[in-house]
Protein backbone atom coordinates (compact mmCIF):
# COMPACT_ATOMS: atom_id res chain seq x y z
CA MET A 1 0.00 0.00 0.00
CA THR A 2 1.32 3.44 -0.88
CA LEU A 3 1.42 6.22 1.70
CA LEU A 4 -1.31 7.99 -0.28
CA GLN A 5 -3.55 4.91 -0.15
CA SER A 6 -2.96 4.64 3.60
CA LEU A 7 -3.94 8.28 4.07
CA GLU A 8 -7.04 7.85 1.90
CA SER A 9 -8.12 4.83 3.94
CA ARG A 10 -7.75 6.70 7.21
CA LEU A 11 -9.52 9.78 5.87
CA ALA A 12 -12.42 7.63 4.62
CA ALA A 13 -12.78 6.15 8.12
CA ALA A 14 -12.75 9.63 9.66
CA LEU A 15 -15.39 10.87 7.22
CA ALA A 16 -17.65 7.93 7.99
CA ALA A 17 -17.27 8.60 11.72
CA THR A 18 -17.93 12.33 11.28
CA LEU A 19 -20.89 12.10 8.88
CA GLY A 20 -22.41 8.83 9.99
CA GLU A 21 -22.18 7.49 6.44
CA PRO A 22 -19.44 6.62 3.91
CA ALA A 23 -18.11 9.45 1.77
CA VAL A 24 -15.55 9.60 -1.01
CA ALA A 25 -12.69 12.03 -0.54
CA ALA A 26 -9.73 12.68 -2.80
CA ILE A 27 -6.24 13.37 -1.53
CA THR A 28 -3.62 14.84 -3.84
CA ALA A 29 0.06 15.62 -3.54
CA ALA A 30 0.52 19.15 -2.23
CA ALA A 31 1.64 21.71 -4.79
CA ASP A 32 3.72 23.54 -2.17
CA LEU A 33 5.69 21.48 0.34
CA ARG A 34 5.68 24.36 2.81
CA PHE A 35 2.10 23.40 3.65
CA GLY A 36 2.60 19.64 3.82
CA ASP A 37 2.97 16.58 1.63
CA TYR A 38 -0.68 15.92 0.75
CA GLN A 39 -3.90 17.89 0.70
CA SER A 40 -7.65 17.23 0.65
CA ASN A 41 -10.57 19.56 -0.06
CA ALA A 42 -13.07 17.02 1.32
CA ALA A 43 -14.32 19.34 4.05
CA MET A 44 -15.01 22.14 1.58
CA VAL A 45 -16.91 19.89 -0.84
CA LEU A 46 -18.95 18.17 1.87
CA ALA A 47 -19.65 21.42 3.73
CA LYS A 48 -21.11 22.93 0.57
CA GLN A 49 -23.38 19.90 0.13
CA ARG A 50 -24.50 20.10 3.76
CA LYS A 51 -24.56 23.91 3.95
CA THR A 52 -22.24 24.07 6.94
CA ASN A 53 -18.97 25.79 7.84
CA PRO A 54 -16.06 24.07 6.02
CA ARG A 55 -13.39 24.89 8.61
CA ALA A 56 -15.60 23.60 11.40
CA LEU A 57 -16.27 20.41 9.44
CA ALA A 58 -12.55 20.06 8.73
CA GLN A 59 -11.84 20.22 12.45
CA GLU A 60 -14.43 17.51 13.13
CA ILE A 61 -12.80 15.31 10.50
CA ILE A 62 -9.34 15.86 12.00
CA ASP A 63 -10.71 15.00 15.46
CA HIS A 64 -11.76 11.60 14.07
CA LEU A 65 -8.54 10.97 12.14
CA GLU A 66 -6.28 8.16 13.34
CA LEU A 67 -2.88 9.21 12.03
CA ASP A 68 -0.59 7.80 14.72
CA GLY A 69 2.82 7.01 13.28
CA LEU A 70 1.90 8.18 9.77
CA ALA A 71 1.31 11.92 9.58
CA THR A 72 0.07 15.11 11.17
CA ALA A 73 -2.90 17.11 9.90
CA ASP A 74 -3.90 20.76 10.07
CA ILE A 75 -6.41 23.12 8.45
CA ALA A 76 -5.48 25.77 5.90
CA GLY A 77 -7.40 28.52 4.13
CA PRO A 78 -11.16 28.02 3.76
CA GLY A 79 -11.01 24.39 4.88
CA PHE A 80 -8.21 22.46 3.18
CA ILE A 81 -6.83 19.60 5.25
CA ASN A 82 -3.06 19.38 4.91
CA PHE A 83 -1.12 16.24 5.79
CA ARG A 84 2.58 16.09 6.62
CA ILE A 85 4.11 12.62 6.58
CA LEU A 86 6.36 11.91 9.56
CA PRO A 87 10.05 11.27 8.79
CA ALA A 88 9.81 7.90 10.53
CA ALA A 89 6.92 6.93 8.22
CA TYR A 90 8.94 7.90 5.15
CA ALA A 91 11.88 5.90 6.50
CA ALA A 92 9.73 2.82 7.13
CA HIS A 93 8.18 3.10 3.67
CA ALA A 94 11.58 3.46 1.98
CA THR A 95 12.78 0.40 3.88
CA THR A 96 9.75 -1.51 2.58
CA LEU A 97 10.46 -0.39 -0.99
CA LEU A 98 13.98 -1.82 -0.78
CA ARG A 99 12.42 -5.27 -0.38
CA ASP A 100 9.72 -4.73 -3.04
CA GLU A 101 10.48 -5.68 -6.65
CA ARG A 102 7.58 -3.48 -7.77
CA LEU A 103 8.92 -0.45 -5.86
CA GLY A 104 5.50 0.29 -4.39
CA VAL A 105 3.66 0.31 -7.74
CA PRO A 106 0.15 -1.17 -7.38
CA ASP A 107 -1.13 -3.87 -9.71
CA ILE A 108 -4.23 -2.19 -11.15
CA GLY A 109 -4.54 -3.99 -14.50
CA THR A 110 -4.94 -7.66 -13.63
CA GLY A 111 -7.64 -9.27 -15.75
CA LYS A 112 -7.77 -6.41 -18.28
CA THR A 113 -6.58 -6.73 -21.88
CA VAL A 114 -5.33 -3.63 -23.67
CA ILE A 115 -4.51 -3.40 -27.38
CA VAL A 116 -2.01 -0.66 -28.21
CA ASP A 117 -2.08 0.29 -31.90
CA PHE A 118 1.02 2.35 -32.66
CA SER A 119 3.77 3.16 -35.18
CA ALA A 120 1.88 1.66 -38.20
CA PRO A 121 4.13 2.80 -41.07
CA ASN A 122 3.25 2.19 -44.69
CA VAL A 123 4.98 -0.74 -46.37
CA ALA A 124 7.52 0.18 -49.06
CA LYS A 125 8.03 3.66 -47.63
CA PRO A 126 10.74 4.75 -45.17
CA MET A 127 9.79 5.76 -41.66
CA HIS A 128 10.25 9.50 -41.30
CA VAL A 129 10.72 11.77 -38.31
CA GLY A 130 6.94 12.01 -37.87
CA HIS A 131 6.89 8.34 -36.88
CA ILE A 132 8.95 9.14 -33.76
CA ARG A 133 5.95 10.23 -31.75
CA SER A 134 3.62 7.29 -32.39
CA THR A 135 6.41 4.71 -32.08
CA ILE A 136 8.02 6.03 -28.91
CA ILE A 137 4.83 7.07 -27.09
CA GLY A 138 3.15 3.78 -27.97
CA ASP A 139 6.10 1.68 -26.82
CA SER A 140 6.28 3.54 -23.51
CA LEU A 141 2.55 3.11 -22.87
CA CYS A 142 2.94 -0.64 -23.52
CA ARG A 143 5.78 -0.85 -21.01
CA ILE A 144 3.96 1.15 -18.34
CA ALA A 145 0.67 -0.73 -18.78
CA ARG A 146 2.45 -4.10 -18.49
CA PHE A 147 4.20 -2.94 -15.32
CA LEU A 148 0.79 -1.99 -13.92
CA GLY A 149 -0.44 -5.53 -14.53
CA PHE A 150 -2.41 -5.17 -17.78
CA GLN A 151 -2.34 -7.87 -20.44
CA VAL A 152 -0.94 -5.78 -23.30
CA ILE A 153 -1.02 -6.69 -26.98
CA ALA A 154 1.16 -4.42 -29.12
CA ASP A 155 -0.13 -4.42 -32.70
CA ASN A 156 1.68 -2.79 -35.61
CA HIS A 157 -1.26 -2.14 -37.97
CA ILE A 158 0.95 -1.50 -41.00
CA GLY A 159 -0.33 0.00 -44.24
CA ASP A 160 0.19 -3.01 -46.50
CA TRP A 161 -2.72 -2.54 -48.92
CA GLY A 162 -3.84 0.32 -51.10
CA THR A 163 -3.46 2.26 -54.31
CA GLN A 164 0.32 2.73 -54.01
CA PHE A 165 0.80 -0.97 -54.70
CA GLY A 166 -0.31 -0.57 -58.30
CA MET A 167 2.72 1.66 -58.90
CA ILE A 168 5.04 -0.55 -56.87
CA LEU A 169 3.94 -3.67 -58.79
CA HIS A 170 4.59 -1.98 -62.12
CA GLY A 171 7.95 -0.67 -60.90
CA TRP A 172 8.92 -4.06 -59.48
CA LYS A 173 8.33 -5.68 -62.88
CA THR A 174 10.08 -3.00 -64.96
CA LEU A 175 12.58 -1.01 -62.87
CA LEU A 176 13.71 -3.10 -59.89
CA ASP A 177 17.41 -3.39 -59.01
CA ALA A 178 17.53 -6.78 -57.22
CA ALA A 179 20.96 -6.12 -55.64
CA ALA A 180 19.81 -2.77 -54.23
CA LEU A 181 16.65 -4.41 -52.91
CA GLU A 182 18.68 -7.04 -51.08
CA ALA A 183 21.13 -4.50 -49.64
CA ASP A 184 18.60 -1.95 -48.39
CA PRO A 185 15.01 -2.73 -49.41
CA ILE A 186 13.02 0.33 -48.39
CA PRO A 187 15.08 2.95 -50.30
CA GLU A 188 14.89 0.76 -53.42
CA LEU A 189 11.13 0.34 -53.12
CA LEU A 190 10.79 4.09 -52.57
CA ARG A 191 12.92 4.74 -55.67
CA ILE A 192 10.77 2.62 -57.97
CA TYR A 193 7.61 4.11 -56.47
CA ARG A 194 8.85 7.65 -57.12
CA ASP A 195 10.04 6.83 -60.63
CA VAL A 196 6.72 5.23 -61.57
CA ASN A 197 4.74 8.02 -59.93
CA ALA A 198 6.65 10.55 -62.03
CA ALA A 199 6.02 8.45 -65.14
CA THR A 200 2.27 8.36 -64.50
CA LYS A 201 2.17 12.15 -64.53
CA ALA A 202 4.01 12.28 -67.83
CA ASP A 203 2.13 9.44 -69.52
CA PRO A 204 -1.53 8.57 -68.79
CA ALA A 205 -0.94 5.10 -70.24
CA VAL A 206 1.46 4.29 -67.37
CA LEU A 207 -1.18 5.33 -64.84
CA GLU A 208 -3.68 3.01 -66.54
CA THR A 209 -1.16 0.17 -66.39
CA CYS A 210 -0.68 0.76 -62.64
CA LYS A 211 -4.44 0.71 -62.06
CA ASN A 212 -4.68 -2.58 -63.91
CA GLU A 213 -1.88 -4.06 -61.79
CA LEU A 214 -3.78 -3.05 -58.63
CA VAL A 215 -7.04 -4.56 -59.92
CA LYS A 216 -5.19 -7.82 -60.67
CA LEU A 217 -3.76 -7.83 -57.13
CA GLN A 218 -7.15 -7.24 -55.56
CA ALA A 219 -8.61 -10.03 -57.72
CA GLY A 220 -5.97 -12.46 -56.42
CA ASP A 221 -3.63 -12.64 -59.43
CA PRO A 222 -0.93 -15.19 -58.40
CA GLU A 223 2.05 -13.27 -59.84
CA ASN A 224 1.03 -9.98 -58.25
CA LEU A 225 0.25 -11.64 -54.92
CA VAL A 226 3.75 -13.16 -54.84
CA ILE A 227 5.35 -9.77 -55.58
CA TRP A 228 3.13 -8.08 -52.98
CA GLN A 229 4.11 -10.65 -50.34
CA GLN A 230 7.81 -10.25 -51.18
CA CYS A 231 7.39 -6.49 -50.93
CA ILE A 232 5.93 -6.81 -47.43
CA GLU A 233 8.64 -9.24 -46.32
CA VAL A 234 11.56 -7.08 -47.45
CA SER A 235 9.86 -3.98 -46.03
CA LYS A 236 9.48 -5.71 -42.68
CA ARG A 237 13.20 -6.51 -42.68
CA GLY A 238 13.99 -2.85 -43.19
CA LEU A 239 11.52 -1.75 -40.53
CA LEU A 240 12.84 -4.32 -38.04
CA LYS A 241 16.31 -2.77 -38.29
CA ILE A 242 14.88 0.52 -37.05
CA TYR A 243 12.76 -1.13 -34.37
CA ASP A 244 15.82 -3.07 -33.16
CA VAL A 245 17.77 0.18 -32.80
CA LEU A 246 14.86 1.67 -30.87
CA ASP A 247 14.34 -1.54 -28.83
CA VAL A 248 10.66 -1.53 -29.82
CA LYS A 249 8.83 -4.84 -30.13
CA PHE A 250 5.38 -5.87 -31.33
CA ASP A 251 3.29 -8.91 -30.52
CA HIS A 252 1.58 -8.77 -33.93
CA TRP A 253 1.92 -7.12 -37.34
CA LEU A 254 -1.67 -7.43 -38.52
CA GLY A 255 -1.81 -4.91 -41.35
CA GLU A 256 -4.74 -3.65 -43.37
CA SER A 257 -4.62 -6.63 -45.73
CA TYR A 258 -5.36 -9.05 -42.88
CA TYR A 259 -8.94 -7.80 -42.77
CA ASN A 260 -9.72 -7.77 -46.52
CA ASP A 261 -12.00 -10.80 -46.45
CA ARG A 262 -14.14 -9.24 -43.71
CA LEU A 263 -14.95 -5.96 -45.46
CA ALA A 264 -17.71 -6.94 -47.87
CA GLY A 265 -19.65 -8.77 -45.15
CA LEU A 266 -19.18 -5.85 -42.75
CA VAL A 267 -20.73 -3.40 -45.23
CA GLU A 268 -23.67 -5.72 -45.84
CA GLU A 269 -24.24 -6.08 -42.11
CA PHE A 270 -24.19 -2.29 -41.67
CA LEU A 271 -26.78 -1.99 -44.43
CA THR A 272 -28.98 -4.74 -43.00
CA LYS A 273 -28.91 -3.22 -39.51
CA GLY A 274 -29.60 0.28 -40.79
CA ILE A 275 -26.30 1.65 -39.50
CA ALA A 276 -25.31 2.71 -43.03
CA ARG A 277 -27.18 3.56 -46.22
CA GLU A 278 -26.54 4.26 -49.88
CA SER A 279 -25.78 7.82 -51.02
CA ASN A 280 -24.82 8.61 -54.63
CA GLY A 281 -23.69 5.03 -55.07
CA ALA A 282 -21.49 5.00 -51.96
CA ILE A 283 -22.34 3.33 -48.65
CA CYS A 284 -22.18 5.86 -45.82
CA ILE A 285 -22.78 6.17 -42.09
CA PHE A 286 -24.84 9.26 -41.27
CA SER A 287 -25.89 10.91 -38.04
CA ASP A 288 -28.63 9.03 -36.19
CA GLY A 289 -29.81 12.24 -34.50
CA SER A 290 -29.08 10.98 -31.00
CA GLN A 291 -26.52 13.69 -30.19
CA LYS A 292 -26.36 17.45 -30.26
CA PRO A 293 -24.78 18.67 -33.53
CA ASP A 294 -21.77 20.04 -31.60
CA ASP A 295 -21.03 16.55 -30.26
CA ASP A 296 -22.01 14.55 -33.34
CA PRO A 297 -19.03 13.40 -35.45
CA PHE A 298 -21.35 12.88 -38.43
CA MET A 299 -22.39 16.55 -38.52
CA VAL A 300 -20.34 19.58 -39.54
CA HIS A 301 -21.07 23.30 -39.31
CA ARG A 302 -20.69 25.29 -42.52
CA GLU A 303 -21.71 28.79 -43.57
CA ASP A 304 -25.33 27.75 -44.12
CA GLY A 305 -25.57 25.82 -40.81
CA TRP A 306 -25.22 22.19 -39.72
CA THR A 307 -25.00 19.59 -42.47
CA ASP A 308 -24.19 15.89 -42.88
CA ASN A 309 -20.60 14.72 -42.52
CA PRO A 310 -20.88 10.98 -43.25
CA ALA A 311 -18.21 8.31 -43.00
CA ILE A 312 -17.88 6.34 -46.22
CA ILE A 313 -17.34 2.59 -45.81
CA ARG A 314 -17.67 1.62 -49.49
CA LYS A 315 -17.01 3.92 -52.43
CA ALA A 316 -19.30 4.10 -55.44
CA ASP A 317 -16.74 2.07 -57.42
CA GLY A 318 -16.89 -0.72 -54.82
CA GLY A 319 -13.60 0.12 -53.10
CA PHE A 320 -13.24 0.12 -49.31
CA LEU A 321 -11.69 2.80 -47.11
CA TYR A 322 -9.72 3.15 -43.86
CA ALA A 323 -12.98 3.39 -41.91
CA THR A 324 -14.08 -0.02 -43.22
CA THR A 325 -10.77 -1.66 -42.36
CA ASP A 326 -10.64 -0.03 -38.93
CA LEU A 327 -14.15 -1.24 -38.09
CA ALA A 328 -13.18 -4.78 -39.10
CA THR A 329 -10.07 -4.42 -36.93
CA ILE A 330 -12.16 -3.42 -33.91
CA GLN A 331 -14.41 -6.43 -34.49
CA PHE A 332 -11.40 -8.76 -34.57
CA ARG A 333 -9.75 -7.24 -31.51
CA ILE A 334 -12.90 -7.51 -29.41
CA ASP A 335 -14.09 -10.91 -30.65
CA GLU A 336 -10.70 -12.66 -30.96
CA TRP A 337 -8.43 -10.87 -28.50
CA LYS A 338 -11.19 -10.02 -25.98
CA ALA A 339 -9.96 -6.44 -25.72
CA ASP A 340 -11.23 -4.37 -22.80
CA GLN A 341 -9.45 -1.26 -24.06
CA ILE A 342 -7.95 -0.22 -27.41
CA TRP A 343 -5.48 2.67 -27.52
CA TYR A 344 -4.74 4.27 -30.90
CA VAL A 345 -1.50 6.27 -30.79
CA VAL A 346 -2.12 8.42 -33.87
CA GLY A 347 -1.64 12.12 -34.65
CA VAL A 348 -4.12 14.90 -33.97
CA PRO A 349 -5.22 15.25 -37.65
CA GLN A 350 -7.02 11.89 -37.37
CA GLN A 351 -9.25 13.08 -34.52
CA LEU A 352 -12.48 13.17 -36.59
CA HIS A 353 -11.77 9.74 -38.08
CA PHE A 354 -11.57 8.18 -34.62
CA ARG A 355 -14.63 9.99 -33.31
CA GLN A 356 -16.63 8.57 -36.24
CA LEU A 357 -15.00 5.15 -35.85
CA PHE A 358 -15.83 4.85 -32.15
CA GLU A 359 -19.40 6.05 -32.66
CA ALA A 360 -19.95 3.61 -35.55
CA ALA A 361 -18.53 0.73 -33.48
CA ALA A 362 -20.87 1.59 -30.60
CA ARG A 363 -23.90 1.51 -32.93
CA TRP A 364 -22.66 -1.84 -34.20
CA GLY A 365 -22.59 -3.19 -30.65
CA LYS A 366 -18.80 -3.41 -30.45
CA THR A 367 -18.42 -1.82 -27.04
CA GLY A 368 -15.19 -1.20 -25.22
CA ASP A 369 -12.99 1.56 -23.92
CA PHE A 370 -11.57 3.04 -27.13
CA ARG A 371 -9.05 5.88 -26.84
CA HIS A 372 -7.41 8.07 -29.43
CA VAL A 373 -4.02 8.95 -27.94
CA ALA A 374 -3.39 11.99 -30.12
CA PHE A 375 -0.13 13.90 -30.47
CA GLY A 376 1.20 17.05 -32.12
CA SER A 377 4.06 17.63 -34.56
CA ILE A 378 7.84 17.71 -34.38
CA LEU A 379 9.36 21.02 -35.48
CA GLY A 380 12.84 21.92 -36.65
CA GLU A 381 14.81 24.63 -34.87
CA ASP A 382 13.25 27.14 -37.27
CA ARG A 383 9.91 26.16 -35.63
CA LYS A 384 8.61 24.77 -38.94
CA LEU A 385 7.77 21.13 -39.68
CA MET A 386 11.04 19.20 -39.80
CA LYS A 387 12.02 18.73 -43.47
CA THR A 388 15.16 18.19 -45.52
CA ARG A 389 16.52 21.02 -47.68
CA SER A 390 14.72 19.50 -50.66
CA GLY A 391 11.44 19.74 -48.75
CA GLU A 392 11.07 16.01 -48.05
CA ASN A 393 10.34 14.42 -44.68
CA VAL A 394 13.48 13.72 -42.64
CA GLN A 395 13.98 9.95 -42.49
CA LEU A 396 13.88 8.40 -39.04
CA THR A 397 16.96 6.27 -39.62
CA ASP A 398 18.95 9.46 -40.39
CA VAL A 399 17.76 11.07 -37.15
CA LEU A 400 18.79 8.05 -35.08
CA THR A 401 22.17 7.73 -36.82
CA GLU A 402 22.98 11.40 -36.26
CA SER A 403 21.94 11.24 -32.62
CA VAL A 404 24.28 8.30 -31.97
CA GLU A 405 27.15 10.01 -33.86
CA ARG A 406 26.71 13.22 -31.86
CA ALA A 407 26.59 11.24 -28.61
CA ALA A 408 29.82 9.46 -29.59
CA LYS A 409 31.60 12.80 -30.05
CA ILE A 410 30.43 14.06 -26.66
CA ILE A 411 31.51 10.84 -24.91
CA ALA A 412 34.93 10.98 -26.59
CA GLU A 413 35.40 14.56 -25.34
CA LYS A 414 34.16 13.87 -21.79
CA ASN A 415 35.79 10.47 -21.23
CA PRO A 416 38.50 9.58 -23.78
CA ASP A 417 39.36 6.45 -21.76
CA ILE A 418 36.22 4.77 -23.13
CA GLN A 419 37.15 3.16 -26.45
CA GLY A 420 36.06 0.62 -29.06
CA ASP A 421 32.93 -1.48 -28.66
CA GLU A 422 32.18 -0.05 -25.22
CA ALA A 423 32.24 3.50 -26.58
CA ALA A 424 30.00 2.50 -29.49
CA GLU A 425 27.48 0.81 -27.19
CA ILE A 426 27.38 3.76 -24.79
CA ALA A 427 26.92 6.18 -27.71
CA LYS A 428 23.97 4.12 -28.90
CA ILE A 429 22.39 4.02 -25.44
CA VAL A 430 22.88 7.76 -24.90
CA GLY A 431 21.94 8.85 -28.43
CA ILE A 432 18.75 6.77 -28.69
CA GLY A 433 17.83 7.60 -25.10
CA ALA A 434 18.15 11.30 -25.88
CA VAL A 435 15.74 11.04 -28.82
CA LYS A 436 13.21 9.11 -26.73
CA PHE A 437 13.38 11.44 -23.74
CA ALA A 438 13.08 14.54 -25.93
CA GLU A 439 9.78 13.05 -27.09
CA LEU A 440 8.47 11.64 -23.83
CA SER A 441 9.24 14.68 -21.68
CA GLN A 442 6.80 16.74 -23.77
CA ASN A 443 3.06 17.00 -23.38
CA ARG A 444 2.03 14.73 -26.25
CA LEU A 445 -0.54 17.21 -27.59
CA THR A 446 1.92 20.07 -28.05
CA ASP A 447 4.29 20.60 -30.95
CA TYR A 448 7.93 20.59 -29.89
CA VAL A 449 11.26 21.71 -31.31
CA PHE A 450 13.80 18.98 -32.06
CA ALA A 451 17.07 20.56 -30.86
CA TRP A 452 20.17 18.34 -30.95
CA ASP A 453 22.40 20.25 -28.54
CA ARG A 454 19.72 20.63 -25.91
CA MET A 455 18.56 17.02 -25.91
CA LEU A 456 22.12 15.60 -25.72
CA ALA A 457 23.28 17.92 -22.92
CA LEU A 458 24.61 16.28 -19.74
CA GLN A 459 22.88 19.00 -17.71
CA GLY A 460 19.26 20.07 -17.84
CA ASP A 461 16.09 18.16 -18.58
CA THR A 462 17.61 15.40 -20.70
CA ALA A 463 18.11 11.66 -20.82
CA PRO A 464 21.92 11.99 -20.59
CA TYR A 465 21.49 13.88 -17.30
CA LEU A 466 19.36 11.04 -15.90
CA GLN A 467 21.70 8.38 -17.27
CA TYR A 468 24.65 10.21 -15.74
CA SER A 469 22.80 10.23 -12.41
CA THR A 470 22.57 6.43 -12.43
CA VAL A 471 26.24 6.17 -13.43
CA ARG A 472 27.20 8.45 -10.57
CA ILE A 473 25.31 6.29 -8.07
CA ARG A 474 26.91 3.10 -9.40
CA SER A 475 30.35 4.70 -8.99
CA ILE A 476 29.65 5.02 -5.25
CA PHE A 477 29.18 1.27 -4.91
CA ARG A 478 32.31 0.52 -6.94
CA LYS A 479 34.33 2.20 -4.18
CA LEU A 480 33.12 -0.26 -1.53
CA ASP A 481 35.37 -3.08 -0.33
CA ALA A 482 32.52 -5.61 -0.32
CA PRO A 483 29.10 -6.01 -1.95
CA PHE A 484 26.34 -4.02 -0.28
CA ASP A 485 23.01 -5.67 0.59
CA ALA A 486 20.47 -2.86 0.71
CA SER A 487 17.60 -5.21 1.54
CA ALA A 488 19.17 -5.90 4.95
CA CYS A 489 19.23 -2.21 5.89
CA ASP A 490 16.86 -0.14 7.97
CA ILE A 491 16.67 3.41 6.69
CA THR A 492 16.75 6.34 9.10
CA LEU A 493 16.09 9.93 8.05
CA ASN A 494 17.47 12.93 9.90
CA GLU A 495 18.50 15.52 7.33
CA GLU A 496 15.96 17.39 5.18
CA ALA A 497 17.73 16.23 1.98
CA GLU A 498 17.29 12.61 3.10
CA ILE A 499 13.63 13.16 3.92
CA HIS A 500 12.93 14.80 0.58
CA LEU A 501 14.64 11.97 -1.31
CA ALA A 502 12.51 9.41 0.54
CA ARG A 503 9.44 11.55 -0.16
CA LEU A 504 10.11 11.24 -3.88
CA HIS A 505 10.75 7.50 -3.57
CA ALA A 506 7.22 7.18 -2.16
CA ARG A 507 5.72 9.11 -5.08
CA PHE A 508 6.82 6.56 -7.71
CA GLY A 509 4.09 4.06 -6.85
CA GLU A 510 1.50 6.86 -6.67
CA LEU A 511 2.46 8.36 -10.01
CA LEU A 512 2.45 5.42 -12.43
CA PRO A 513 -1.32 4.75 -12.34
CA LEU A 514 -1.94 8.43 -13.13
CA ILE A 515 0.06 8.20 -16.36
CA ILE A 516 -2.43 5.99 -18.17
CA GLU A 517 -5.46 7.98 -17.02
CA ASP A 518 -4.68 10.52 -19.72
CA PHE A 519 -1.71 8.81 -21.42
CA ARG A 520 0.95 11.22 -20.18
CA PRO A 521 4.43 9.63 -20.11
CA ASN A 522 5.75 13.14 -19.56
CA LEU A 523 4.58 12.86 -15.94
CA LEU A 524 7.08 10.02 -15.45
CA ALA A 525 9.83 11.88 -17.32
CA ASN A 526 9.37 14.98 -15.17
CA TYR A 527 9.22 12.90 -11.98
CA LEU A 528 12.53 11.22 -12.83
CA LEU A 529 14.14 14.63 -13.34
CA GLU A 530 12.84 15.74 -9.96
CA LEU A 531 14.15 12.55 -8.33
CA ALA A 532 17.60 12.97 -9.92
CA ARG A 533 17.81 16.58 -8.76
CA ALA A 534 16.80 15.51 -5.24
CA PHE A 535 19.50 12.84 -5.28
CA HIS A 536 22.22 15.30 -6.33
CA SER A 537 21.12 17.69 -3.55
CA PHE A 538 21.19 14.81 -1.06
CA PHE A 539 24.62 13.68 -2.24
CA GLU A 540 26.04 17.20 -1.82
CA ALA A 541 24.47 17.74 1.61
CA CYS A 542 24.86 14.27 3.15
CA PRO A 543 28.23 12.47 3.05
CA VAL A 544 27.72 8.81 2.20
CA LEU A 545 30.98 6.86 2.29
CA LYS A 546 32.52 9.04 5.02
CA SER A 547 29.56 8.70 7.40
CA GLU A 548 29.49 6.50 10.50
CA ASP A 549 28.41 2.88 10.06
CA SER A 550 24.64 3.01 10.67
CA ILE A 551 24.21 6.34 8.86
CA ARG A 552 26.49 5.12 6.08
CA SER A 553 24.37 2.01 5.54
CA SER A 554 21.15 4.01 5.55
CA ARG A 555 22.47 6.50 3.01
CA LEU A 556 23.86 3.75 0.80
CA ALA A 557 20.40 2.19 0.89
CA LEU A 558 18.88 5.52 -0.20
CA CYS A 559 21.39 5.59 -3.07
CA GLU A 560 20.47 2.03 -4.07
CA LEU A 561 16.74 2.77 -3.97
CA THR A 562 17.24 5.92 -6.06
CA ALA A 563 19.21 3.99 -8.68
CA ARG A 564 16.55 1.27 -8.85
CA ILE A 565 13.73 3.76 -9.34
CA LEU A 566 15.66 5.79 -11.91
CA THR A 567 16.62 2.67 -13.86
CA THR A 568 13.12 1.21 -13.67
CA GLY A 569 11.48 4.51 -14.61
CA LEU A 570 13.79 5.07 -17.56
CA GLY A 571 13.18 1.47 -18.62
CA LEU A 572 9.44 2.18 -18.69
CA LEU A 573 10.24 5.02 -21.10
CA GLY A 574 12.26 2.56 -23.19
CA ILE A 575 15.60 4.13 -22.17
CA LYS A 576 18.62 2.09 -21.07
CA CYS A 577 21.35 3.14 -18.64
CA PRO A 578 25.07 2.56 -19.34
CA GLU A 579 27.55 1.44 -16.70
CA ARG A 580 29.88 4.31 -17.55
CA MET A 581 29.66 7.61 -19.43
């Protein structure tokens, strides 16, 4: 049980004793430590309901509180109840955390299955810098949800079907360089796609040929199916190289094509059930009038007022769309994987698509907790969308390579004793960690500037600063004559820097469940920065190795606990920690 949960339990008992009936009361971490560690506005809320004096009610609640050995309580302002945890309680809790593999994190997800749909690049196209956000946020949410006890299924819903394959099929048959394909498949596939695309604009006959190749594929032509399957396989090999560098893994790669045989039946079912109807030859989902226009995803406001904004699930020419495939995907995930929740880590521009998708699924009877985990854009240092000089999207592999190269230069300058394979491995850990932390320390909905020098700095709000903090702690233990067993220690807290460090240790278990309430990995990133700063203040104020035996052991235990939380927290963000830097 976390300290917060213990406080909430005791406050609930006090409320029941005061009011003569159970009452729910929230306790939050105090914004200003001068007034305590935690705070509740329960007295103010309940006093308003009962039309009584909030400070008087707060005093009654405090009179019924049993806080012996845990905290003190007092009243502030119009009726806030402030709690200050006793140093001995923090010490006891930190001692408990040393023996807890979960570091005080509650298991809140047991029995719940979550599908996380993220990254989802298009086959035969390189991943660009815009894929950073979906890939890294999605991977972190998978890691955090698993740590919280959820059954997580990571699904890479790749774009492996669509009109671009007509051009790729034609290019494969007429322009392909087999050696280039084997050496580096995605650039070669991109080359033939671009060459054919240019040819279609110059010669309408080439465009017609591409359309015919696509029709043959969709009809099951054996030759085109073989080429299409080879295209997917070589694309996956290229994508896996990037995912290996990022240490991102998926349980499944069920792309759009996986659901092709479900689409025709889905449309017919929507027609039969009256969820969709024909309009100008297309099959569309319209508003059912059950919501206000402002809240209805199938209505849009134009100059002449509210009008229909339908979702098309079959075009007039018989073709299907993303909405059709995504509905079939929801059906599969609920029926086959028994999903309780589905999280879609996709950019803000797709907001309307997901609103329509979730509403259509609900009408269909496919109920669940569906979430669109939206995110903003990555900007260059000129505060414009990150592009190459030729105006193309910056490729993700180039970003990762440059980050590792820059990290290698910094490491060589700071510690020239590190050489060879060790230097290369540390550069990879630091460079990739810097890219991930630059992403995950941001509010996902805001645009952010991708600045190399800032994100690789050893000081400031960066991954290298946090990685250096863990390295610094490990260096303490390397100076010991014998291995240190932190689990055998009893922590004592006397100095304010020790108390504050233990305070932050206690917050780890309280924080993690909050992250998935609104999908905010930045809360964890910011917490880890705060913990690292608290450790450095503690280390400066409280001698560790030069202290007397009992104090020395207690402070070493605080160091060990800090390192474990930092390493675990960074691991949940997908960031590794080197032994040296």
